[in-house]
N, C-alpha and C. Protein backbone atom coordinates (compact mmCIF):
# COMPACT_ATOMS: atom_id res chain seq x y z
N MET A 1 102.42 76.07 81.58
CA MET A 1 101.48 77.13 81.60
C MET A 1 102.51 78.44 81.07
N ILE A 2 101.70 79.47 80.18
CA ILE A 2 102.70 80.45 79.63
C ILE A 2 103.30 81.42 80.39
N GLU A 3 104.42 81.85 80.58
CA GLU A 3 104.80 82.86 81.33
C GLU A 3 104.00 84.39 80.88
N GLU A 4 104.13 84.71 82.26
CA GLU A 4 103.25 86.15 81.34
C GLU A 4 104.37 86.78 81.38
N GLN A 5 103.81 88.03 80.54
CA GLN A 5 104.74 88.84 79.67
C GLN A 5 104.75 90.66 80.40
N VAL A 6 105.66 90.98 80.12
CA VAL A 6 105.50 92.42 80.79
C VAL A 6 105.74 93.35 79.74
N ILE A 7 105.51 94.28 79.67
CA ILE A 7 105.07 95.57 78.61
C ILE A 7 106.93 96.31 78.88
N LEU A 8 107.72 96.04 77.98
CA LEU A 8 108.88 97.05 77.76
C LEU A 8 108.38 98.78 77.43
N VAL A 9 109.35 99.33 78.24
CA VAL A 9 108.58 100.95 77.79
C VAL A 9 110.29 101.82 77.98
N ASN A 10 110.18 102.51 77.34
CA ASN A 10 111.24 103.65 77.43
C ASN A 10 110.57 104.69 78.30
N GLU A 11 111.54 105.70 78.69
CA GLU A 11 111.28 106.76 80.33
C GLU A 11 110.35 107.39 80.02
N LEU A 12 109.59 107.47 78.55
CA LEU A 12 108.17 108.62 78.15
C LEU A 12 107.31 107.55 78.05
N ASP A 13 107.02 106.15 78.76
CA ASP A 13 105.88 105.09 79.02
C ASP A 13 105.51 104.70 77.53
N GLU A 14 106.70 104.79 76.22
CA GLU A 14 106.09 104.38 75.67
C GLU A 14 106.82 102.83 75.24
N PRO A 15 105.61 102.14 74.75
CA PRO A 15 106.24 100.79 74.71
C PRO A 15 107.02 100.21 73.74
N VAL A 16 108.10 99.75 73.93
CA VAL A 16 109.12 99.39 72.71
C VAL A 16 108.92 97.62 72.92
N GLY A 17 108.39 96.70 73.31
CA GLY A 17 108.40 95.52 73.28
C GLY A 17 107.59 95.09 74.38
N LEU A 18 107.94 93.28 74.14
CA LEU A 18 107.24 92.79 75.53
C LEU A 18 108.42 91.64 75.63
N MET A 19 108.43 91.24 77.04
CA MET A 19 109.09 90.09 77.44
C MET A 19 108.64 89.52 78.33
N ASN A 20 109.08 88.12 78.72
CA ASN A 20 108.70 87.61 79.84
C ASN A 20 109.54 87.85 81.05
N LYS A 21 108.31 88.19 82.21
CA LYS A 21 108.59 88.70 83.34
C LYS A 21 109.70 88.08 83.79
N MET A 22 110.07 87.10 83.90
CA MET A 22 111.28 86.42 84.93
C MET A 22 112.24 87.58 84.17
N GLU A 23 112.84 87.02 82.96
CA GLU A 23 113.62 87.31 82.46
C GLU A 23 113.77 88.98 82.36
N ALA A 24 112.66 89.77 82.16
CA ALA A 24 112.51 91.52 82.60
C ALA A 24 113.24 91.75 83.73
N HIS A 25 112.81 90.66 84.69
CA HIS A 25 113.87 91.04 85.87
C HIS A 25 114.90 90.43 86.51
N GLU A 26 115.56 89.82 85.63
CA GLU A 26 116.34 89.09 85.99
C GLU A 26 117.88 90.37 84.98
N LYS A 27 117.15 90.58 83.93
CA LYS A 27 118.10 91.75 83.36
C LYS A 27 117.98 93.18 83.70
N ALA A 28 116.84 93.72 84.59
CA ALA A 28 116.52 94.68 85.25
C ALA A 28 116.25 95.64 83.90
N VAL A 29 115.51 95.52 82.83
CA VAL A 29 115.00 96.14 81.79
C VAL A 29 113.84 96.96 82.15
N LEU A 30 113.46 98.12 82.18
CA LEU A 30 112.50 98.79 82.35
C LEU A 30 111.07 98.43 81.22
N HIS A 31 110.13 98.09 82.47
CA HIS A 31 109.16 97.65 82.18
C HIS A 31 107.65 98.66 82.89
N ARG A 32 106.43 98.53 82.13
CA ARG A 32 105.51 99.13 82.99
C ARG A 32 104.84 98.41 84.26
N ALA A 33 104.62 99.00 85.03
CA ALA A 33 103.98 98.33 86.29
C ALA A 33 102.90 99.03 87.07
N PHE A 34 102.28 99.15 87.57
CA PHE A 34 101.16 99.72 88.67
C PHE A 34 101.03 99.10 89.92
N SER A 35 100.78 100.12 90.61
CA SER A 35 100.78 99.96 92.24
C SER A 35 99.22 100.61 92.46
N VAL A 36 98.11 99.74 93.46
CA VAL A 36 96.75 99.99 94.16
C VAL A 36 97.34 100.34 95.37
N PHE A 37 96.75 101.77 95.82
CA PHE A 37 96.41 102.00 97.33
C PHE A 37 94.92 102.25 97.53
N ILE A 38 94.37 101.41 98.22
CA ILE A 38 92.88 101.03 98.25
C ILE A 38 93.16 102.00 100.28
N LEU A 39 92.18 102.77 100.06
CA LEU A 39 91.73 103.34 101.75
C LEU A 39 90.19 103.38 101.94
N ASN A 40 90.27 103.64 103.17
CA ASN A 40 88.76 103.26 103.75
C ASN A 40 88.38 104.85 104.15
N GLU A 41 87.23 104.88 104.58
CA GLU A 41 86.76 106.17 104.97
C GLU A 41 86.93 106.66 106.28
N ARG A 42 88.24 106.17 106.67
CA ARG A 42 89.02 106.97 107.54
C ARG A 42 90.47 107.06 107.37
N ASN A 43 90.67 106.95 105.96
CA ASN A 43 91.62 107.44 105.51
C ASN A 43 93.03 106.38 106.03
N GLU A 44 92.91 105.43 106.29
CA GLU A 44 93.38 104.13 106.04
C GLU A 44 93.66 103.30 105.07
N VAL A 45 94.87 102.94 104.85
CA VAL A 45 95.53 102.17 103.81
C VAL A 45 95.29 100.96 104.24
N MET A 46 94.95 99.90 103.37
CA MET A 46 94.81 98.41 103.13
C MET A 46 95.87 98.02 102.85
N LEU A 47 96.68 97.44 103.55
CA LEU A 47 98.10 96.54 103.31
C LEU A 47 97.77 95.06 103.32
N GLN A 48 98.92 94.62 102.21
CA GLN A 48 98.57 93.11 102.15
C GLN A 48 99.78 92.43 102.45
N GLN A 49 100.19 91.37 103.14
CA GLN A 49 101.20 90.63 103.58
C GLN A 49 101.42 90.03 102.29
N ARG A 50 102.65 89.59 101.68
CA ARG A 50 102.78 88.90 100.58
C ARG A 50 102.43 87.21 101.15
N ALA A 51 102.19 86.23 100.17
CA ALA A 51 102.04 84.83 100.50
C ALA A 51 103.45 84.25 101.10
N HIS A 52 103.25 83.64 101.65
CA HIS A 52 104.81 82.68 102.27
C HIS A 52 105.32 82.08 101.06
N GLN A 53 104.71 81.62 100.30
CA GLN A 53 105.21 80.79 98.94
C GLN A 53 105.71 81.79 97.82
N LYS A 54 105.46 82.75 98.21
CA LYS A 54 105.90 84.03 96.77
C LYS A 54 107.90 83.79 96.51
N TYR A 55 107.94 83.89 95.07
CA TYR A 55 109.12 83.68 94.60
C TYR A 55 110.35 85.09 95.12
N HIS A 56 109.59 85.69 95.60
CA HIS A 56 110.32 86.78 96.61
C HIS A 56 109.73 87.78 96.92
N SER A 57 110.22 88.20 98.05
CA SER A 57 109.54 89.12 99.33
C SER A 57 108.16 88.09 99.85
N PRO A 58 108.23 86.92 100.42
CA PRO A 58 107.90 86.39 101.06
C PRO A 58 107.14 87.10 102.19
N LEU A 59 105.87 87.15 102.90
CA LEU A 59 105.57 87.32 104.12
C LEU A 59 105.79 88.56 104.35
N LEU A 60 106.44 89.63 103.63
CA LEU A 60 106.44 91.02 103.99
C LEU A 60 105.30 91.87 103.34
N TRP A 61 105.21 92.73 104.15
CA TRP A 61 103.73 93.58 103.86
C TRP A 61 104.21 94.88 102.84
N THR A 62 103.03 95.20 102.23
CA THR A 62 103.13 95.88 100.92
C THR A 62 101.83 96.91 100.74
N ASN A 63 101.39 97.55 99.37
CA ASN A 63 100.60 98.53 99.41
C ASN A 63 99.63 97.23 99.02
N THR A 64 98.10 97.83 98.64
CA THR A 64 97.00 96.88 98.30
C THR A 64 97.44 95.70 97.36
N CYS A 65 97.99 96.07 96.30
CA CYS A 65 97.91 94.97 95.26
C CYS A 65 99.00 95.81 94.17
N CYS A 66 99.78 95.15 93.45
CA CYS A 66 100.63 95.63 92.56
C CYS A 66 101.08 94.59 91.46
N SER A 67 101.55 94.66 90.08
CA SER A 67 101.58 93.89 89.31
C SER A 67 101.65 94.38 88.05
N HIS A 68 101.75 94.39 87.06
CA HIS A 68 102.30 94.41 85.37
C HIS A 68 100.57 94.62 84.54
N GLN A 69 100.94 95.45 84.06
CA GLN A 69 99.74 95.41 82.76
C GLN A 69 100.09 94.36 81.57
N ARG A 70 99.12 93.80 81.03
CA ARG A 70 98.89 93.30 79.75
C ARG A 70 98.72 93.72 78.75
N ALA A 71 99.62 93.14 77.32
CA ALA A 71 99.23 93.95 75.86
C ALA A 71 97.92 94.64 76.03
N GLY A 72 97.77 95.45 75.52
CA GLY A 72 96.20 95.87 75.60
C GLY A 72 95.41 96.41 76.63
N GLU A 73 96.06 96.48 77.77
CA GLU A 73 95.36 96.49 78.72
C GLU A 73 95.54 97.80 79.24
N THR A 74 94.64 98.47 79.55
CA THR A 74 94.87 100.42 80.32
C THR A 74 95.52 99.98 81.47
N ASN A 75 95.97 101.00 82.08
CA ASN A 75 96.41 101.06 83.60
C ASN A 75 95.31 100.44 84.51
N ILE A 76 94.42 101.47 84.08
CA ILE A 76 93.02 101.04 85.16
C ILE A 76 92.24 99.80 85.27
N GLU A 77 92.10 99.33 83.81
CA GLU A 77 91.65 97.48 83.54
C GLU A 77 92.63 96.51 84.67
N ALA A 78 93.93 97.17 84.15
CA ALA A 78 94.84 95.79 85.05
C ALA A 78 95.02 96.07 86.41
N GLY A 79 94.64 97.09 87.10
CA GLY A 79 94.92 97.52 88.34
C GLY A 79 93.69 96.78 88.78
N LYS A 80 92.37 96.79 88.00
CA LYS A 80 90.91 96.37 88.73
C LYS A 80 90.85 95.26 88.49
N ARG A 81 91.82 94.25 87.59
CA ARG A 81 91.99 93.14 87.02
C ARG A 81 92.55 92.32 88.54
N ARG A 82 93.56 93.00 88.67
CA ARG A 82 94.59 92.58 89.77
C ARG A 82 94.42 92.40 91.16
N LEU A 83 93.13 93.81 91.43
CA LEU A 83 92.73 94.06 93.01
C LEU A 83 91.73 92.54 92.89
N PHE A 84 91.05 92.33 91.97
CA PHE A 84 90.24 91.17 92.16
C PHE A 84 90.88 90.17 92.19
N GLU A 85 91.72 89.98 91.62
CA GLU A 85 92.76 88.32 91.30
C GLU A 85 93.31 88.27 93.04
N GLU A 86 93.84 89.22 93.40
CA GLU A 86 94.51 89.12 94.96
C GLU A 86 93.77 89.23 96.16
N MET A 87 92.63 90.21 96.18
CA MET A 87 91.99 90.87 97.36
C MET A 87 90.60 90.52 97.12
N GLY A 88 90.01 90.24 96.12
CA GLY A 88 88.81 89.76 95.89
C GLY A 88 87.94 90.48 95.74
N PHE A 89 88.04 91.84 95.59
CA PHE A 89 87.15 92.83 95.13
C PHE A 89 86.65 93.75 94.44
N LYS A 90 86.18 94.48 94.06
CA LYS A 90 86.18 95.56 92.87
C LYS A 90 85.75 96.87 93.38
N ALA A 91 86.77 97.90 92.88
CA ALA A 91 86.87 99.23 93.15
C ALA A 91 86.86 100.04 92.14
N GLU A 92 86.52 101.06 92.11
CA GLU A 92 86.67 102.13 90.82
C GLU A 92 88.30 102.66 91.29
N LEU A 93 89.05 102.88 90.35
CA LEU A 93 90.57 103.29 90.68
C LEU A 93 90.69 105.01 90.19
N LYS A 94 91.80 105.51 90.32
CA LYS A 94 91.93 106.96 89.77
C LYS A 94 93.52 106.80 89.81
N GLU A 95 94.28 107.08 88.57
CA GLU A 95 95.64 106.89 88.43
C GLU A 95 96.05 108.68 88.89
N LEU A 96 96.89 108.41 89.79
CA LEU A 96 97.39 109.70 90.35
C LEU A 96 98.87 110.02 89.55
N PHE A 97 99.78 109.50 89.50
CA PHE A 97 101.00 109.80 88.68
C PHE A 97 101.66 108.37 88.64
N HIS A 98 102.68 108.46 87.77
CA HIS A 98 103.85 107.58 87.78
C HIS A 98 104.91 107.81 87.82
N PHE A 99 106.02 107.36 88.14
CA PHE A 99 107.50 107.51 88.39
C PHE A 99 108.04 106.27 88.17
N ILE A 100 109.58 106.22 87.56
CA ILE A 100 110.48 105.12 87.39
C ILE A 100 111.03 104.99 88.51
N TYR A 101 111.43 103.68 89.07
CA TYR A 101 112.25 103.38 90.15
C TYR A 101 113.22 101.96 89.88
N LYS A 102 114.02 101.55 90.59
CA LYS A 102 114.73 100.40 90.43
C LYS A 102 115.46 99.96 91.41
N ALA A 103 114.69 98.78 92.25
CA ALA A 103 114.95 98.16 93.57
C ALA A 103 115.46 96.64 92.86
N PRO A 104 116.73 96.07 93.82
CA PRO A 104 117.27 95.11 93.51
C PRO A 104 116.73 94.26 94.92
N PHE A 105 116.67 93.02 94.71
CA PHE A 105 116.09 91.69 95.40
C PHE A 105 117.23 91.05 95.75
N ASP A 106 117.04 90.50 97.16
CA ASP A 106 118.23 89.78 97.55
C ASP A 106 118.53 88.16 96.61
N ASN A 107 117.39 87.99 95.97
CA ASN A 107 117.45 86.72 95.26
C ASN A 107 118.36 86.97 93.59
N GLY A 108 118.66 88.47 93.74
CA GLY A 108 119.44 88.17 92.33
C GLY A 108 118.63 89.53 91.17
N LEU A 109 117.13 89.43 91.55
CA LEU A 109 116.42 89.68 90.76
C LEU A 109 116.34 91.40 90.84
N THR A 110 115.79 91.88 89.55
CA THR A 110 116.14 93.63 90.13
C THR A 110 114.41 94.11 89.42
N GLU A 111 113.75 94.92 90.10
CA GLU A 111 112.35 95.53 89.73
C GLU A 111 113.01 96.95 89.04
N HIS A 112 112.59 97.19 87.53
CA HIS A 112 113.15 98.33 86.93
C HIS A 112 111.64 98.91 86.37
N GLU A 113 110.89 99.54 87.04
CA GLU A 113 109.42 100.01 86.77
C GLU A 113 109.37 101.39 86.50
N LEU A 114 108.48 101.34 85.25
CA LEU A 114 108.02 102.73 85.53
C LEU A 114 106.10 102.11 85.75
N ASP A 115 105.95 102.71 87.28
CA ASP A 115 105.08 102.53 88.20
C ASP A 115 104.01 103.23 87.78
N HIS A 116 102.58 103.22 87.66
CA HIS A 116 101.43 103.76 87.69
C HIS A 116 100.67 103.81 88.88
N VAL A 117 100.92 104.82 89.75
CA VAL A 117 100.09 104.64 91.34
C VAL A 117 98.66 105.25 91.12
N MET A 118 97.91 104.02 91.69
CA MET A 118 96.58 104.36 91.25
C MET A 118 95.97 104.44 92.89
N ILE A 119 94.63 104.60 93.04
CA ILE A 119 94.14 104.91 94.72
C ILE A 119 92.72 104.34 94.13
N GLY A 120 92.05 104.19 95.15
CA GLY A 120 90.59 103.42 95.47
C GLY A 120 90.09 103.52 96.71
N TYR A 121 88.85 103.11 96.77
CA TYR A 121 87.99 103.42 98.04
C TYR A 121 87.26 102.25 98.58
N TYR A 122 87.10 101.58 99.59
CA TYR A 122 86.28 100.30 99.90
C TYR A 122 86.70 100.40 101.49
N ASN A 123 85.24 99.60 102.05
CA ASN A 123 85.21 99.79 103.52
C ASN A 123 85.07 98.22 103.80
N ASP A 124 85.00 97.71 103.37
CA ASP A 124 84.59 96.11 103.59
C ASP A 124 85.95 95.27 103.87
N ASP A 125 86.00 94.07 104.28
CA ASP A 125 86.53 93.28 104.70
C ASP A 125 87.24 92.51 103.05
N PRO A 126 88.46 92.26 102.76
CA PRO A 126 88.52 91.90 101.42
C PRO A 126 88.51 90.30 101.75
N ILE A 127 88.43 89.11 100.26
CA ILE A 127 88.54 87.80 99.97
C ILE A 127 89.47 87.81 99.65
N ILE A 128 90.87 87.42 100.35
CA ILE A 128 92.28 87.02 100.11
C ILE A 128 92.37 85.86 99.31
N ASN A 129 93.48 86.03 98.20
CA ASN A 129 93.56 85.00 97.31
C ASN A 129 94.65 84.15 98.43
N PRO A 130 94.63 82.90 98.67
CA PRO A 130 95.63 82.91 99.61
C PRO A 130 97.28 82.10 98.78
N GLU A 131 96.94 81.97 97.29
CA GLU A 131 97.94 82.09 96.68
C GLU A 131 99.20 83.36 96.34
N GLU A 132 98.58 84.19 96.68
CA GLU A 132 99.10 85.64 96.41
C GLU A 132 99.65 86.39 97.64
N VAL A 133 98.07 86.10 98.94
CA VAL A 133 97.84 87.11 99.76
C VAL A 133 97.98 86.29 101.02
N GLU A 134 98.92 86.51 102.20
CA GLU A 134 98.97 85.92 103.42
C GLU A 134 98.00 86.47 104.14
N SER A 135 98.10 87.67 104.60
CA SER A 135 97.31 88.51 105.41
C SER A 135 97.29 89.79 104.94
N TRP A 136 95.78 90.58 106.02
CA TRP A 136 95.84 91.96 105.03
C TRP A 136 95.51 92.82 106.60
N LYS A 137 95.61 94.13 106.52
CA LYS A 137 95.21 95.35 107.43
C LYS A 137 95.20 96.38 107.04
N TRP A 138 94.54 97.31 107.89
CA TRP A 138 93.79 98.82 107.79
C TRP A 138 95.39 98.93 108.54
N MET A 139 95.76 100.44 107.96
CA MET A 139 96.70 101.22 108.67
C MET A 139 96.72 102.70 108.24
N LYS A 140 96.48 103.23 109.31
CA LYS A 140 96.72 105.15 109.27
C LYS A 140 97.80 105.31 108.37
N ILE A 141 97.90 105.83 107.58
CA ILE A 141 99.47 106.72 106.85
C ILE A 141 100.48 107.07 107.61
N GLU A 142 100.52 107.84 108.81
CA GLU A 142 100.77 108.04 109.54
C GLU A 142 101.58 106.83 110.26
N ASP A 143 101.01 105.99 110.46
CA ASP A 143 101.50 104.71 111.09
C ASP A 143 102.53 103.95 110.27
N ILE A 144 101.85 104.23 108.98
CA ILE A 144 102.69 103.03 108.15
C ILE A 144 104.22 103.93 108.06
N LYS A 145 104.07 105.34 107.76
CA LYS A 145 105.54 105.97 107.86
C LYS A 145 106.28 105.53 109.16
N GLU A 146 105.65 105.36 110.25
CA GLU A 146 106.31 105.48 111.34
C GLU A 146 107.01 104.19 111.68
N ASP A 147 106.19 102.88 111.42
CA ASP A 147 106.36 101.41 111.62
C ASP A 147 107.65 101.50 110.24
N MET A 148 107.37 101.88 109.18
CA MET A 148 108.83 101.36 107.90
C MET A 148 110.05 101.87 108.50
N PHE A 149 110.11 103.15 109.30
CA PHE A 149 111.20 103.39 109.91
C PHE A 149 111.62 102.44 111.14
N VAL A 150 110.84 102.17 112.24
CA VAL A 150 111.18 101.23 113.17
C VAL A 150 111.65 100.11 112.47
N ASN A 151 110.47 99.18 111.69
CA ASN A 151 110.81 97.55 111.40
C ASN A 151 110.86 97.77 109.33
N PRO A 152 112.02 98.76 109.05
CA PRO A 152 111.98 98.83 107.46
C PRO A 152 112.04 97.23 106.97
N ASN A 153 112.28 96.06 107.63
CA ASN A 153 112.75 94.87 106.98
C ASN A 153 111.19 94.04 107.14
N ASP A 154 110.65 94.52 107.29
CA ASP A 154 108.98 94.43 107.43
C ASP A 154 108.17 94.41 106.12
N TYR A 155 108.90 95.17 105.37
CA TYR A 155 107.75 95.82 104.39
C TYR A 155 108.85 95.54 102.97
N THR A 156 108.21 95.14 101.56
CA THR A 156 108.77 95.03 100.61
C THR A 156 109.66 96.05 99.84
N VAL A 157 111.01 96.08 99.33
CA VAL A 157 111.58 97.15 98.97
C VAL A 157 110.74 97.97 98.41
N TRP A 158 110.01 97.59 96.96
CA TRP A 158 109.65 98.57 96.13
C TRP A 158 108.35 99.13 96.89
N PHE A 159 107.99 98.66 98.06
CA PHE A 159 106.66 99.77 98.61
C PHE A 159 107.20 100.83 99.65
N LYS A 160 108.81 100.45 100.30
CA LYS A 160 108.95 101.87 100.74
C LYS A 160 109.48 102.65 99.76
N ILE A 161 109.76 102.49 98.82
CA ILE A 161 110.14 103.54 97.54
C ILE A 161 108.74 104.20 97.32
N ILE A 162 107.94 103.30 96.67
CA ILE A 162 106.17 103.77 96.33
C ILE A 162 105.60 104.45 97.54
N PHE A 163 105.74 104.10 98.56
CA PHE A 163 105.02 104.86 99.62
C PHE A 163 105.04 106.09 99.82
N ASP A 164 106.60 106.40 99.75
CA ASP A 164 107.29 107.58 99.60
C ASP A 164 106.95 108.63 98.69
N GLU A 165 106.80 108.03 97.33
CA GLU A 165 106.00 108.76 96.54
C GLU A 165 104.73 109.29 97.00
N PHE A 166 103.78 108.56 97.08
CA PHE A 166 102.65 108.62 97.38
C PHE A 166 102.22 109.12 98.61
N TYR A 167 103.13 109.22 99.71
CA TYR A 167 103.09 110.25 100.91
C TYR A 167 103.22 111.50 100.31
N HIS A 168 104.25 112.07 99.52
CA HIS A 168 104.79 113.49 98.98
C HIS A 168 103.79 113.61 98.14
N TYR A 169 103.13 112.72 97.66
CA TYR A 169 101.68 113.28 96.81
C TYR A 169 100.77 113.93 97.30
N LEU A 170 100.58 113.25 98.48
CA LEU A 170 99.38 113.61 99.26
C LEU A 170 99.53 114.64 99.95
N GLU A 171 100.71 115.13 100.50
CA GLU A 171 101.46 116.20 100.73
C GLU A 171 101.25 117.25 99.85
N ASP A 172 101.26 117.15 98.72
CA ASP A 172 101.00 118.15 97.47
C ASP A 172 99.46 118.58 97.17
N HIS A 173 98.76 117.46 97.08
CA HIS A 173 97.29 117.22 96.58
C HIS A 173 96.26 116.97 97.46
N LYS A 174 95.07 117.46 97.76
CA LYS A 174 94.23 117.18 98.48
C LYS A 174 93.37 116.32 97.44
N LEU A 175 92.93 115.09 98.21
CA LEU A 175 92.13 113.83 97.64
C LEU A 175 90.68 113.99 97.55
């Protein structure tokens, strides 16, 4: 199987090349990524628990889905593709903002991403892909914030960073 490549970018989100995903994470090279937050009609966020066999952050809770864009793919196309691959449903997505973060893992890899944060709405149960997702749940935004404070080790490193940005975005904007 050919290893997936990520789009290397500069701080202005301009593509500067491609690199194998694992190599980019080993070298902590800045690359394009996305994070999807799905909310329901009660303004709860759908969280996923990463599958137990994932090579990093297994069984930790995180946003609905996140991954990397492929060459030639728009942010929205990538978000919709991965949402369907991981959670088994389709939803309209809207990009809210993007920002750069760097998060080291305990296995020696580092996420250094220019992350495009997107939102969508869905009210049904997902059909999770067990290769990617162990479990899922709906949580109120305030409950996530509180639980992250009480149980920080239950959440992925990047979700703690992204959720903080998402939370502050929601404070400043009416969706």
